[in-house]
Structure formats: C-alpha cells, structure tokens
Amino acid sequence: MTGKNITGPSVETVPDGDNRTRLVCPDCGYIEYDNPKVIVGTICEWGDKILLCRRAIEPRLGYWTIPAGFMELGETTMEGAARETLEEAGAKVEVSDLVGIYDIARISHVYVIFRARMLTDDFSPGEESQEVALFGLDEIPWPELAFPSITWALERYRDGAFPVVESAPADQAFSL
C-alpha cells in the first residue's frame, strides 16, 4: 500500500456547528454519529388472546416477549413492526393503533409498540424464538417477561391506557 495511512473516525472532538463530542476522522473529516436504536414491535391480537414469543437468543434467553426488534433502514415503524412479527412469530398481521413510545435513554433505545390484528391463526417460532403461544390477558406470564419495556407495553394495552409516550426513570433497573 502506498501513500497515507487512513485512520478512520478516531479523534474525539466537537465538530463545527455541533454541541456533542463525536468521533471524527482526522484524514477526511468524516463524522461518526452514534444515534439511538429504534425497536419496533406489536401486541398481536387473535380474538381475546395475544401472541407472545419465548426468546431463543440473549439477552434474556427463555423469557417471554412480544414480537419486536430493531427497525431497518428504508422501512416505516409500522412496516418494521409487521416484519419483526413475521420473522419472530411467523404471523401475518395488520398493524393498527400505536400503543406507545417508550424511551430508555440510558441504553439509547426507543421502543415503538403497535397493536396488530393477526390475519390468520397461523404462527410459528422464527429463528429468534423458542416457542410462540397465545395468551389471555389473565394468562400472561408477567414474572417471565424479558424486559421492563415489554411489561410496560402490555400493562398499557391491558389497561386500555394508550397511546402514551413515556421515558424510563433514570434509576429503573434494566439489565441486558
């Protein structure tokens, strides 16, 4: 290789016109922006039951969750929620109402959870799910839910208290 060694974003500095420290490439001036991750998911209804997935991956392997995951580039939140539901639970859904948006600033996550109606009673575990099952609201395995954000969304749904936008308290226990 001839010429100058390129180091990439390696210098911490506040770029001109910005107010936060960022990693900047000293060779070309490229600025690396590290932004929050958006998680999209659904509370899937089939009759008077909802669909939950038992996680087949860490974090929280073996715990129950709603079908949810990271939003991809080029999709809307509703499209991402439907895609995640198909990938994790094998269920085709019609996404409708916003249940809520939940900010967890300390881990830079934003959860966007929708209500969805299953189009058929067909569902099956995807690669990230050990099993998928329908639960009545009185059958939800509350102590076995994977994350506080999932408990939050299911409680709001159960109580009919949506849509809501809320932030996790800074001192709320949350472990990955």
N, C-alpha and C. Protein backbone atom coordinates (compact mmCIF):
# COMPACT_ATOMS: atom_id res chain seq x y z
N MET A 1 0.85 -1.18 0.00
CA MET A 1 0.00 0.00 0.00
C MET A 1 0.90 1.24 0.00
N THR A 2 0.59 2.12 -0.87
CA THR A 2 1.37 3.35 -0.92
C THR A 2 0.55 4.51 -0.43
N GLY A 3 1.21 5.57 -0.08
CA GLY A 3 0.50 6.78 0.32
C GLY A 3 0.23 6.83 1.81
N LYS A 4 -0.68 7.65 2.13
CA LYS A 4 -1.03 7.97 3.51
C LYS A 4 -1.85 6.85 4.15
N ASN A 5 -1.57 6.55 5.41
CA ASN A 5 -2.40 5.62 6.17
C ASN A 5 -3.67 6.35 6.59
N ILE A 6 -4.79 5.73 6.35
CA ILE A 6 -6.07 6.32 6.74
C ILE A 6 -6.50 5.69 8.05
N THR A 7 -6.81 6.52 9.02
CA THR A 7 -7.12 6.02 10.35
C THR A 7 -8.61 5.87 10.63
N GLY A 8 -9.47 6.55 9.89
CA GLY A 8 -10.90 6.50 10.15
C GLY A 8 -11.28 7.35 11.34
N PRO A 9 -12.55 7.29 11.75
CA PRO A 9 -13.01 8.12 12.88
C PRO A 9 -12.31 7.71 14.17
N SER A 10 -11.36 8.51 14.62
CA SER A 10 -10.58 8.13 15.79
C SER A 10 -10.28 9.28 16.74
N VAL A 11 -10.67 10.49 16.37
CA VAL A 11 -10.41 11.65 17.21
C VAL A 11 -11.72 12.12 17.82
N GLU A 12 -11.75 12.21 19.15
CA GLU A 12 -12.95 12.73 19.82
C GLU A 12 -12.87 14.24 19.85
N THR A 13 -13.89 14.89 19.26
CA THR A 13 -13.93 16.34 19.21
C THR A 13 -15.37 16.79 19.00
N VAL A 14 -15.64 18.05 19.26
CA VAL A 14 -16.94 18.63 18.97
C VAL A 14 -16.83 19.28 17.59
N PRO A 15 -17.47 18.68 16.57
CA PRO A 15 -17.37 19.24 15.21
C PRO A 15 -18.00 20.63 15.14
N ASP A 16 -17.54 21.43 14.18
CA ASP A 16 -18.11 22.76 13.96
C ASP A 16 -19.62 22.64 13.78
N GLY A 17 -20.37 23.50 14.45
CA GLY A 17 -21.83 23.51 14.33
C GLY A 17 -22.53 22.45 15.16
N ASP A 18 -21.79 21.67 15.94
CA ASP A 18 -22.37 20.62 16.77
C ASP A 18 -22.23 21.02 18.23
N ASN A 19 -22.84 20.26 19.11
CA ASN A 19 -22.72 20.54 20.54
C ASN A 19 -22.36 19.31 21.35
N ARG A 20 -21.97 18.24 20.66
CA ARG A 20 -21.61 16.99 21.34
C ARG A 20 -20.27 16.48 20.81
N THR A 21 -19.58 15.77 21.68
CA THR A 21 -18.34 15.13 21.26
C THR A 21 -18.68 13.96 20.34
N ARG A 22 -17.98 13.90 19.22
CA ARG A 22 -18.17 12.84 18.23
C ARG A 22 -16.79 12.29 17.84
N LEU A 23 -16.79 11.11 17.26
CA LEU A 23 -15.57 10.58 16.66
C LEU A 23 -15.46 11.15 15.25
N VAL A 24 -14.30 11.72 14.93
CA VAL A 24 -14.07 12.35 13.63
C VAL A 24 -12.81 11.75 13.03
N CYS A 25 -12.83 11.54 11.72
CA CYS A 25 -11.65 11.06 11.01
C CYS A 25 -10.72 12.24 10.75
N PRO A 26 -9.48 12.17 11.25
CA PRO A 26 -8.56 13.28 11.05
C PRO A 26 -8.09 13.41 9.59
N ASP A 27 -8.27 12.36 8.80
CA ASP A 27 -7.82 12.37 7.41
C ASP A 27 -8.82 13.02 6.47
N CYS A 28 -10.10 12.69 6.64
CA CYS A 28 -11.11 13.17 5.67
C CYS A 28 -12.19 14.03 6.30
N GLY A 29 -12.25 14.09 7.63
CA GLY A 29 -13.26 14.90 8.30
C GLY A 29 -14.60 14.20 8.51
N TYR A 30 -14.69 12.92 8.13
CA TYR A 30 -15.94 12.16 8.33
C TYR A 30 -16.30 12.18 9.82
N ILE A 31 -17.58 12.41 10.10
CA ILE A 31 -18.08 12.43 11.48
C ILE A 31 -18.93 11.19 11.70
N GLU A 32 -18.62 10.44 12.74
CA GLU A 32 -19.40 9.25 13.06
C GLU A 32 -20.48 9.64 14.07
N TYR A 33 -21.74 9.50 13.66
CA TYR A 33 -22.86 9.78 14.54
C TYR A 33 -23.35 8.47 15.12
N ASP A 34 -23.39 8.38 16.42
CA ASP A 34 -23.86 7.20 17.12
C ASP A 34 -25.21 7.56 17.72
N ASN A 35 -26.29 7.13 17.06
CA ASN A 35 -27.64 7.54 17.45
C ASN A 35 -28.41 6.39 18.10
N PRO A 36 -29.50 6.71 18.76
CA PRO A 36 -30.30 5.66 19.42
C PRO A 36 -30.80 4.61 18.44
N LYS A 37 -31.06 3.43 18.98
CA LYS A 37 -31.64 2.34 18.22
C LYS A 37 -33.15 2.39 18.41
N VAL A 38 -33.90 2.16 17.32
CA VAL A 38 -35.35 2.13 17.38
C VAL A 38 -35.79 0.67 17.33
N ILE A 39 -36.56 0.27 18.34
CA ILE A 39 -37.12 -1.08 18.40
C ILE A 39 -38.60 -0.95 18.10
N VAL A 40 -39.09 -1.77 17.17
CA VAL A 40 -40.49 -1.75 16.78
C VAL A 40 -41.10 -3.12 17.08
N GLY A 41 -42.35 -3.12 17.49
CA GLY A 41 -42.99 -4.39 17.80
C GLY A 41 -44.50 -4.28 17.83
N THR A 42 -45.13 -5.44 18.01
CA THR A 42 -46.59 -5.49 18.02
C THR A 42 -47.11 -6.27 19.20
N ILE A 43 -48.26 -5.83 19.65
CA ILE A 43 -49.09 -6.65 20.54
C ILE A 43 -50.15 -7.22 19.61
N CYS A 44 -49.97 -8.50 19.26
CA CYS A 44 -50.79 -9.16 18.24
C CYS A 44 -52.02 -9.78 18.88
N GLU A 45 -53.16 -9.44 18.32
CA GLU A 45 -54.43 -9.96 18.83
C GLU A 45 -54.97 -11.07 17.91
N TRP A 46 -55.44 -12.13 18.54
CA TRP A 46 -56.23 -13.15 17.86
C TRP A 46 -57.39 -13.44 18.78
N GLY A 47 -58.56 -12.91 18.43
CA GLY A 47 -59.71 -13.00 19.34
C GLY A 47 -59.40 -12.23 20.61
N ASP A 48 -59.56 -12.90 21.74
CA ASP A 48 -59.29 -12.25 23.03
C ASP A 48 -57.93 -12.64 23.59
N LYS A 49 -57.04 -13.11 22.73
CA LYS A 49 -55.70 -13.52 23.15
C LYS A 49 -54.64 -12.69 22.43
N ILE A 50 -53.45 -12.68 23.02
CA ILE A 50 -52.32 -12.01 22.38
C ILE A 50 -51.18 -13.00 22.21
N LEU A 51 -50.34 -12.72 21.23
CA LEU A 51 -49.25 -13.59 20.85
C LEU A 51 -47.96 -13.18 21.54
N LEU A 52 -47.32 -14.12 22.20
CA LEU A 52 -46.02 -13.89 22.83
C LEU A 52 -45.01 -14.89 22.31
N CYS A 53 -43.74 -14.49 22.33
CA CYS A 53 -42.64 -15.32 21.86
C CYS A 53 -41.68 -15.58 23.02
N ARG A 54 -41.23 -16.83 23.15
CA ARG A 54 -40.18 -17.13 24.13
C ARG A 54 -38.84 -16.99 23.42
N ARG A 55 -37.98 -16.12 23.95
CA ARG A 55 -36.73 -15.77 23.28
C ARG A 55 -35.77 -16.96 23.17
N ALA A 56 -35.18 -17.11 21.98
CA ALA A 56 -34.19 -18.15 21.73
C ALA A 56 -32.78 -17.56 21.67
N ILE A 57 -32.66 -16.27 21.98
CA ILE A 57 -31.37 -15.59 21.93
C ILE A 57 -31.17 -14.75 23.19
N GLU A 58 -29.93 -14.44 23.47
CA GLU A 58 -29.61 -13.49 24.53
C GLU A 58 -29.81 -12.09 23.96
N PRO A 59 -30.08 -11.11 24.72
CA PRO A 59 -30.26 -11.21 26.17
C PRO A 59 -31.64 -11.78 26.52
N ARG A 60 -31.72 -12.29 27.73
CA ARG A 60 -32.96 -12.79 28.32
C ARG A 60 -33.48 -14.04 27.59
N LEU A 61 -32.56 -14.94 27.25
CA LEU A 61 -32.88 -16.23 26.65
C LEU A 61 -33.92 -16.95 27.51
N GLY A 62 -34.98 -17.46 26.86
CA GLY A 62 -36.00 -18.22 27.57
C GLY A 62 -37.13 -17.41 28.18
N TYR A 63 -37.02 -16.10 28.14
CA TYR A 63 -38.08 -15.24 28.67
C TYR A 63 -39.05 -14.86 27.55
N TRP A 64 -40.26 -14.47 27.95
CA TRP A 64 -41.32 -14.12 27.00
C TRP A 64 -41.25 -12.65 26.60
N THR A 65 -41.66 -12.38 25.38
CA THR A 65 -41.71 -11.03 24.86
C THR A 65 -42.78 -10.93 23.78
N ILE A 66 -43.07 -9.73 23.38
CA ILE A 66 -43.90 -9.55 22.18
C ILE A 66 -42.95 -9.62 20.98
N PRO A 67 -43.47 -9.90 19.78
CA PRO A 67 -42.59 -9.86 18.61
C PRO A 67 -42.10 -8.42 18.39
N ALA A 68 -40.80 -8.24 18.46
CA ALA A 68 -40.21 -6.91 18.34
C ALA A 68 -38.74 -7.03 18.00
N GLY A 69 -38.20 -5.98 17.40
CA GLY A 69 -36.78 -5.96 17.09
C GLY A 69 -36.39 -4.64 16.48
N PHE A 70 -35.14 -4.55 16.07
CA PHE A 70 -34.60 -3.31 15.54
C PHE A 70 -35.21 -2.97 14.19
N MET A 71 -35.58 -1.71 14.05
CA MET A 71 -36.07 -1.17 12.79
C MET A 71 -34.93 -1.16 11.79
N GLU A 72 -35.24 -1.44 10.54
CA GLU A 72 -34.25 -1.44 9.47
C GLU A 72 -34.33 -0.14 8.67
N LEU A 73 -33.24 0.19 7.99
CA LEU A 73 -33.24 1.35 7.12
C LEU A 73 -34.26 1.14 6.00
N GLY A 74 -34.92 2.21 5.59
CA GLY A 74 -35.83 2.16 4.46
C GLY A 74 -37.21 1.62 4.76
N GLU A 75 -37.55 1.44 6.03
CA GLU A 75 -38.90 0.98 6.36
C GLU A 75 -39.54 1.93 7.37
N THR A 76 -40.87 1.95 7.37
CA THR A 76 -41.58 2.73 8.37
C THR A 76 -41.64 1.93 9.67
N THR A 77 -42.02 2.60 10.75
CA THR A 77 -42.15 1.88 12.02
C THR A 77 -43.20 0.78 11.91
N MET A 78 -44.29 1.05 11.22
CA MET A 78 -45.34 0.03 11.07
C MET A 78 -44.87 -1.14 10.21
N GLU A 79 -44.14 -0.84 9.15
CA GLU A 79 -43.59 -1.92 8.31
C GLU A 79 -42.60 -2.76 9.10
N GLY A 80 -41.76 -2.11 9.87
CA GLY A 80 -40.79 -2.83 10.69
C GLY A 80 -41.46 -3.71 11.73
N ALA A 81 -42.52 -3.20 12.35
CA ALA A 81 -43.24 -3.98 13.35
C ALA A 81 -43.88 -5.22 12.72
N ALA A 82 -44.46 -5.07 11.54
CA ALA A 82 -45.06 -6.21 10.83
C ALA A 82 -43.97 -7.20 10.43
N ARG A 83 -42.84 -6.71 9.94
CA ARG A 83 -41.73 -7.59 9.55
C ARG A 83 -41.21 -8.38 10.74
N GLU A 84 -40.98 -7.70 11.86
CA GLU A 84 -40.49 -8.38 13.06
C GLU A 84 -41.48 -9.45 13.54
N THR A 85 -42.77 -9.15 13.43
CA THR A 85 -43.79 -10.12 13.84
C THR A 85 -43.73 -11.36 12.96
N LEU A 86 -43.57 -11.17 11.67
CA LEU A 86 -43.45 -12.30 10.74
C LEU A 86 -42.16 -13.08 11.02
N GLU A 87 -41.04 -12.38 11.22
CA GLU A 87 -39.76 -13.05 11.46
C GLU A 87 -39.74 -13.82 12.78
N GLU A 88 -40.27 -13.24 13.83
CA GLU A 88 -40.16 -13.86 15.15
C GLU A 88 -41.29 -14.80 15.50
N ALA A 89 -42.47 -14.57 14.90
CA ALA A 89 -43.64 -15.36 15.29
C ALA A 89 -44.34 -16.03 14.10
N GLY A 90 -43.85 -15.81 12.89
CA GLY A 90 -44.47 -16.42 11.72
C GLY A 90 -45.89 -15.97 11.49
N ALA A 91 -46.26 -14.82 12.05
CA ALA A 91 -47.65 -14.33 11.96
C ALA A 91 -47.74 -13.14 11.02
N LYS A 92 -48.71 -13.20 10.12
CA LYS A 92 -49.01 -12.06 9.27
C LYS A 92 -50.05 -11.22 9.99
N VAL A 93 -49.78 -9.91 10.03
CA VAL A 93 -50.64 -9.02 10.82
C VAL A 93 -50.99 -7.76 10.04
N GLU A 94 -52.07 -7.15 10.50
CA GLU A 94 -52.43 -5.81 10.07
C GLU A 94 -52.14 -4.90 11.26
N VAL A 95 -51.17 -4.03 11.11
CA VAL A 95 -50.76 -3.13 12.19
C VAL A 95 -51.73 -1.96 12.24
N SER A 96 -52.16 -1.60 13.45
CA SER A 96 -53.12 -0.51 13.56
C SER A 96 -52.65 0.54 14.56
N ASP A 97 -53.22 0.56 15.73
CA ASP A 97 -53.02 1.63 16.69
C ASP A 97 -51.65 1.62 17.35
N LEU A 98 -51.17 2.82 17.62
CA LEU A 98 -49.96 2.97 18.42
C LEU A 98 -50.32 2.71 19.88
N VAL A 99 -49.64 1.78 20.51
CA VAL A 99 -49.81 1.55 21.94
C VAL A 99 -48.98 2.55 22.70
N GLY A 100 -47.72 2.75 22.25
CA GLY A 100 -46.90 3.73 22.93
C GLY A 100 -45.49 3.79 22.42
N ILE A 101 -44.83 4.82 22.85
CA ILE A 101 -43.41 5.03 22.58
C ILE A 101 -42.74 5.11 23.94
N TYR A 102 -41.71 4.32 24.13
CA TYR A 102 -41.04 4.24 25.41
C TYR A 102 -39.55 4.51 25.22
N ASP A 103 -39.06 5.59 25.82
CA ASP A 103 -37.66 5.97 25.72
C ASP A 103 -36.86 5.38 26.87
N ILE A 104 -35.75 4.76 26.55
CA ILE A 104 -34.83 4.29 27.58
C ILE A 104 -33.49 4.94 27.26
N ALA A 105 -33.31 6.16 27.72
CA ALA A 105 -32.16 6.98 27.35
C ALA A 105 -30.84 6.36 27.79
N ARG A 106 -30.79 5.73 28.94
CA ARG A 106 -29.51 5.23 29.44
C ARG A 106 -28.92 4.11 28.60
N ILE A 107 -29.75 3.44 27.77
CA ILE A 107 -29.22 2.44 26.85
C ILE A 107 -29.47 2.85 25.39
N SER A 108 -29.93 4.07 25.21
CA SER A 108 -30.16 4.65 23.87
C SER A 108 -31.11 3.82 23.01
N HIS A 109 -32.23 3.40 23.60
CA HIS A 109 -33.26 2.67 22.88
C HIS A 109 -34.56 3.46 22.90
N VAL A 110 -35.29 3.38 21.80
CA VAL A 110 -36.63 3.94 21.71
C VAL A 110 -37.54 2.81 21.22
N TYR A 111 -38.50 2.43 22.04
CA TYR A 111 -39.45 1.38 21.68
C TYR A 111 -40.71 2.02 21.09
N VAL A 112 -41.14 1.52 19.94
CA VAL A 112 -42.38 1.96 19.31
C VAL A 112 -43.24 0.70 19.17
N ILE A 113 -44.30 0.62 19.97
CA ILE A 113 -45.12 -0.58 20.05
C ILE A 113 -46.52 -0.30 19.50
N PHE A 114 -46.96 -1.18 18.61
CA PHE A 114 -48.27 -1.06 17.97
C PHE A 114 -49.17 -2.21 18.36
N ARG A 115 -50.43 -1.98 18.22
CA ARG A 115 -51.45 -3.02 18.30
C ARG A 115 -51.58 -3.58 16.89
N ALA A 116 -51.78 -4.89 16.77
CA ALA A 116 -51.93 -5.52 15.46
C ALA A 116 -52.92 -6.65 15.54
N ARG A 117 -53.61 -6.86 14.44
CA ARG A 117 -54.57 -7.96 14.33
C ARG A 117 -53.96 -9.05 13.45
N MET A 118 -53.90 -10.27 13.99
CA MET A 118 -53.42 -11.38 13.19
C MET A 118 -54.42 -11.65 12.08
N LEU A 119 -53.93 -11.89 10.86
CA LEU A 119 -54.80 -12.12 9.71
C LEU A 119 -55.29 -13.56 9.63
N THR A 120 -54.53 -14.47 10.21
CA THR A 120 -54.93 -15.88 10.31
C THR A 120 -54.46 -16.39 11.67
N ASP A 121 -54.84 -17.60 12.00
CA ASP A 121 -54.35 -18.17 13.27
C ASP A 121 -53.05 -18.95 13.08
N ASP A 122 -52.38 -18.75 11.95
CA ASP A 122 -51.10 -19.39 11.68
C ASP A 122 -49.98 -18.60 12.35
N PHE A 123 -49.17 -19.30 13.11
CA PHE A 123 -47.96 -18.72 13.70
C PHE A 123 -47.00 -19.84 14.03
N SER A 124 -45.73 -19.51 14.07
CA SER A 124 -44.70 -20.50 14.40
C SER A 124 -43.44 -19.76 14.80
N PRO A 125 -42.58 -20.41 15.60
CA PRO A 125 -41.36 -19.74 16.05
C PRO A 125 -40.42 -19.44 14.88
N GLY A 126 -39.87 -18.24 14.90
CA GLY A 126 -38.81 -17.89 13.97
C GLY A 126 -37.47 -18.26 14.59
N GLU A 127 -36.38 -17.86 13.93
CA GLU A 127 -35.04 -18.21 14.42
C GLU A 127 -34.74 -17.65 15.80
N GLU A 128 -35.37 -16.52 16.17
CA GLU A 128 -35.06 -15.90 17.45
C GLU A 128 -36.06 -16.28 18.55
N SER A 129 -36.96 -17.24 18.25
CA SER A 129 -37.98 -17.65 19.23
C SER A 129 -37.92 -19.15 19.46
N GLN A 130 -37.96 -19.56 20.74
CA GLN A 130 -38.03 -20.97 21.09
C GLN A 130 -39.44 -21.52 20.86
N GLU A 131 -40.41 -20.69 21.23
CA GLU A 131 -41.81 -21.07 21.04
C GLU A 131 -42.64 -19.80 20.96
N VAL A 132 -43.84 -19.96 20.42
CA VAL A 132 -44.78 -18.86 20.27
C VAL A 132 -46.13 -19.38 20.74
N ALA A 133 -46.85 -18.57 21.52
CA ALA A 133 -48.13 -19.02 22.06
C ALA A 133 -49.09 -17.85 22.24
N LEU A 134 -50.38 -18.18 22.24
CA LEU A 134 -51.43 -17.20 22.51
C LEU A 134 -51.77 -17.24 23.99
N PHE A 135 -51.94 -16.05 24.57
CA PHE A 135 -52.27 -15.92 25.99
C PHE A 135 -53.45 -14.98 26.17
N GLY A 136 -54.37 -15.33 27.05
CA GLY A 136 -55.36 -14.37 27.50
C GLY A 136 -54.67 -13.36 28.39
N LEU A 137 -55.28 -12.19 28.56
CA LEU A 137 -54.64 -11.16 29.39
C LEU A 137 -54.41 -11.65 30.82
N ASP A 138 -55.28 -12.54 31.31
CA ASP A 138 -55.10 -13.08 32.66
C ASP A 138 -54.12 -14.25 32.70
N GLU A 139 -53.58 -14.64 31.56
CA GLU A 139 -52.63 -15.76 31.49
C GLU A 139 -51.20 -15.31 31.18
N ILE A 140 -50.99 -14.02 30.98
CA ILE A 140 -49.64 -13.53 30.64
C ILE A 140 -48.67 -13.91 31.76
N PRO A 141 -47.54 -14.51 31.41
CA PRO A 141 -46.56 -14.88 32.44
C PRO A 141 -45.72 -13.67 32.88
N TRP A 142 -46.34 -12.76 33.62
CA TRP A 142 -45.73 -11.49 34.00
C TRP A 142 -44.32 -11.62 34.57
N PRO A 143 -44.07 -12.56 35.51
CA PRO A 143 -42.70 -12.65 36.07
C PRO A 143 -41.67 -13.16 35.05
N GLU A 144 -42.14 -13.72 33.95
CA GLU A 144 -41.23 -14.28 32.95
C GLU A 144 -41.10 -13.39 31.71
N LEU A 145 -41.53 -12.13 31.80
CA LEU A 145 -41.37 -11.22 30.67
C LEU A 145 -39.92 -10.75 30.59
N ALA A 146 -39.42 -10.63 29.37
CA ALA A 146 -38.00 -10.39 29.13
C ALA A 146 -37.50 -9.02 29.58
N PHE A 147 -38.28 -7.96 29.35
CA PHE A 147 -37.78 -6.61 29.58
C PHE A 147 -38.84 -5.73 30.22
N PRO A 148 -38.43 -4.75 31.02
CA PRO A 148 -39.40 -3.81 31.60
C PRO A 148 -40.22 -3.09 30.53
N SER A 149 -39.64 -2.83 29.37
CA SER A 149 -40.38 -2.15 28.30
C SER A 149 -41.54 -3.00 27.79
N ILE A 150 -41.39 -4.31 27.81
CA ILE A 150 -42.47 -5.20 27.37
C ILE A 150 -43.57 -5.24 28.43
N THR A 151 -43.17 -5.29 29.69
CA THR A 151 -44.16 -5.23 30.78
C THR A 151 -44.94 -3.92 30.67
N TRP A 152 -44.24 -2.82 30.47
CA TRP A 152 -44.86 -1.51 30.32
C TRP A 152 -45.90 -1.52 29.19
N ALA A 153 -45.51 -2.01 28.02
CA ALA A 153 -46.42 -2.01 26.87
C ALA A 153 -47.64 -2.88 27.13
N LEU A 154 -47.43 -4.06 27.69
CA LEU A 154 -48.56 -4.96 27.95
C LEU A 154 -49.49 -4.41 29.04
N GLU A 155 -48.93 -3.73 30.04
CA GLU A 155 -49.78 -3.11 31.06
C GLU A 155 -50.63 -1.99 30.45
N ARG A 156 -50.03 -1.16 29.61
CA ARG A 156 -50.79 -0.08 28.96
C ARG A 156 -51.89 -0.67 28.07
N TYR A 157 -51.56 -1.70 27.35
CA TYR A 157 -52.53 -2.38 26.49
C TYR A 157 -53.68 -2.96 27.33
N ARG A 158 -53.32 -3.71 28.37
CA ARG A 158 -54.32 -4.33 29.26
C ARG A 158 -55.25 -3.29 29.86
N ASP A 159 -54.68 -2.17 30.27
CA ASP A 159 -55.46 -1.12 30.93
C ASP A 159 -56.17 -0.19 29.96
N GLY A 160 -55.94 -0.39 28.66
CA GLY A 160 -56.54 0.49 27.65
C GLY A 160 -55.98 1.89 27.73
N ALA A 161 -54.79 2.03 28.32
CA ALA A 161 -54.17 3.34 28.53
C ALA A 161 -53.15 3.63 27.43
N PHE A 162 -53.65 3.76 26.22
CA PHE A 162 -52.74 4.09 25.12
C PHE A 162 -53.47 4.95 24.13
N PRO A 163 -52.76 5.70 23.28
CA PRO A 163 -51.30 5.73 23.17
C PRO A 163 -50.67 6.58 24.26
N VAL A 164 -49.43 6.29 24.53
CA VAL A 164 -48.70 7.01 25.56
C VAL A 164 -47.24 7.13 25.14
N VAL A 165 -46.63 8.23 25.53
CA VAL A 165 -45.19 8.42 25.33
C VAL A 165 -44.60 8.59 26.72
N GLU A 166 -43.60 7.79 27.03
CA GLU A 166 -43.06 7.78 28.38
C GLU A 166 -41.57 7.50 28.32
N SER A 167 -40.85 7.98 29.30
CA SER A 167 -39.43 7.69 29.43
C SER A 167 -39.21 6.84 30.67
N ALA A 168 -38.27 5.92 30.57
CA ALA A 168 -37.92 5.11 31.73
C ALA A 168 -37.26 6.00 32.77
N PRO A 169 -37.60 5.83 34.03
CA PRO A 169 -36.90 6.59 35.07
C PRO A 169 -35.41 6.27 35.02
N ALA A 170 -34.59 7.25 35.26
CA ALA A 170 -33.14 7.07 35.17
C ALA A 170 -32.64 5.99 36.11
N ASP A 171 -33.33 5.77 37.23
CA ASP A 171 -32.87 4.79 38.21
C ASP A 171 -33.56 3.43 38.06
N GLN A 172 -34.40 3.26 37.04
CA GLN A 172 -35.11 1.99 36.86
C GLN A 172 -34.12 0.89 36.53
N ALA A 173 -34.23 -0.20 37.24
CA ALA A 173 -33.34 -1.33 36.97
C ALA A 173 -33.65 -1.89 35.59
N PHE A 174 -32.63 -2.08 34.81
CA PHE A 174 -32.78 -2.64 33.48
C PHE A 174 -31.48 -3.32 33.14
N SER A 175 -31.54 -4.61 32.95
CA SER A 175 -30.31 -5.31 32.61
C SER A 175 -30.48 -6.05 31.31
N LEU A 176 -29.43 -6.08 30.56
CA LEU A 176 -29.42 -6.83 29.30
C LEU A 176 -28.60 -8.08 29.48
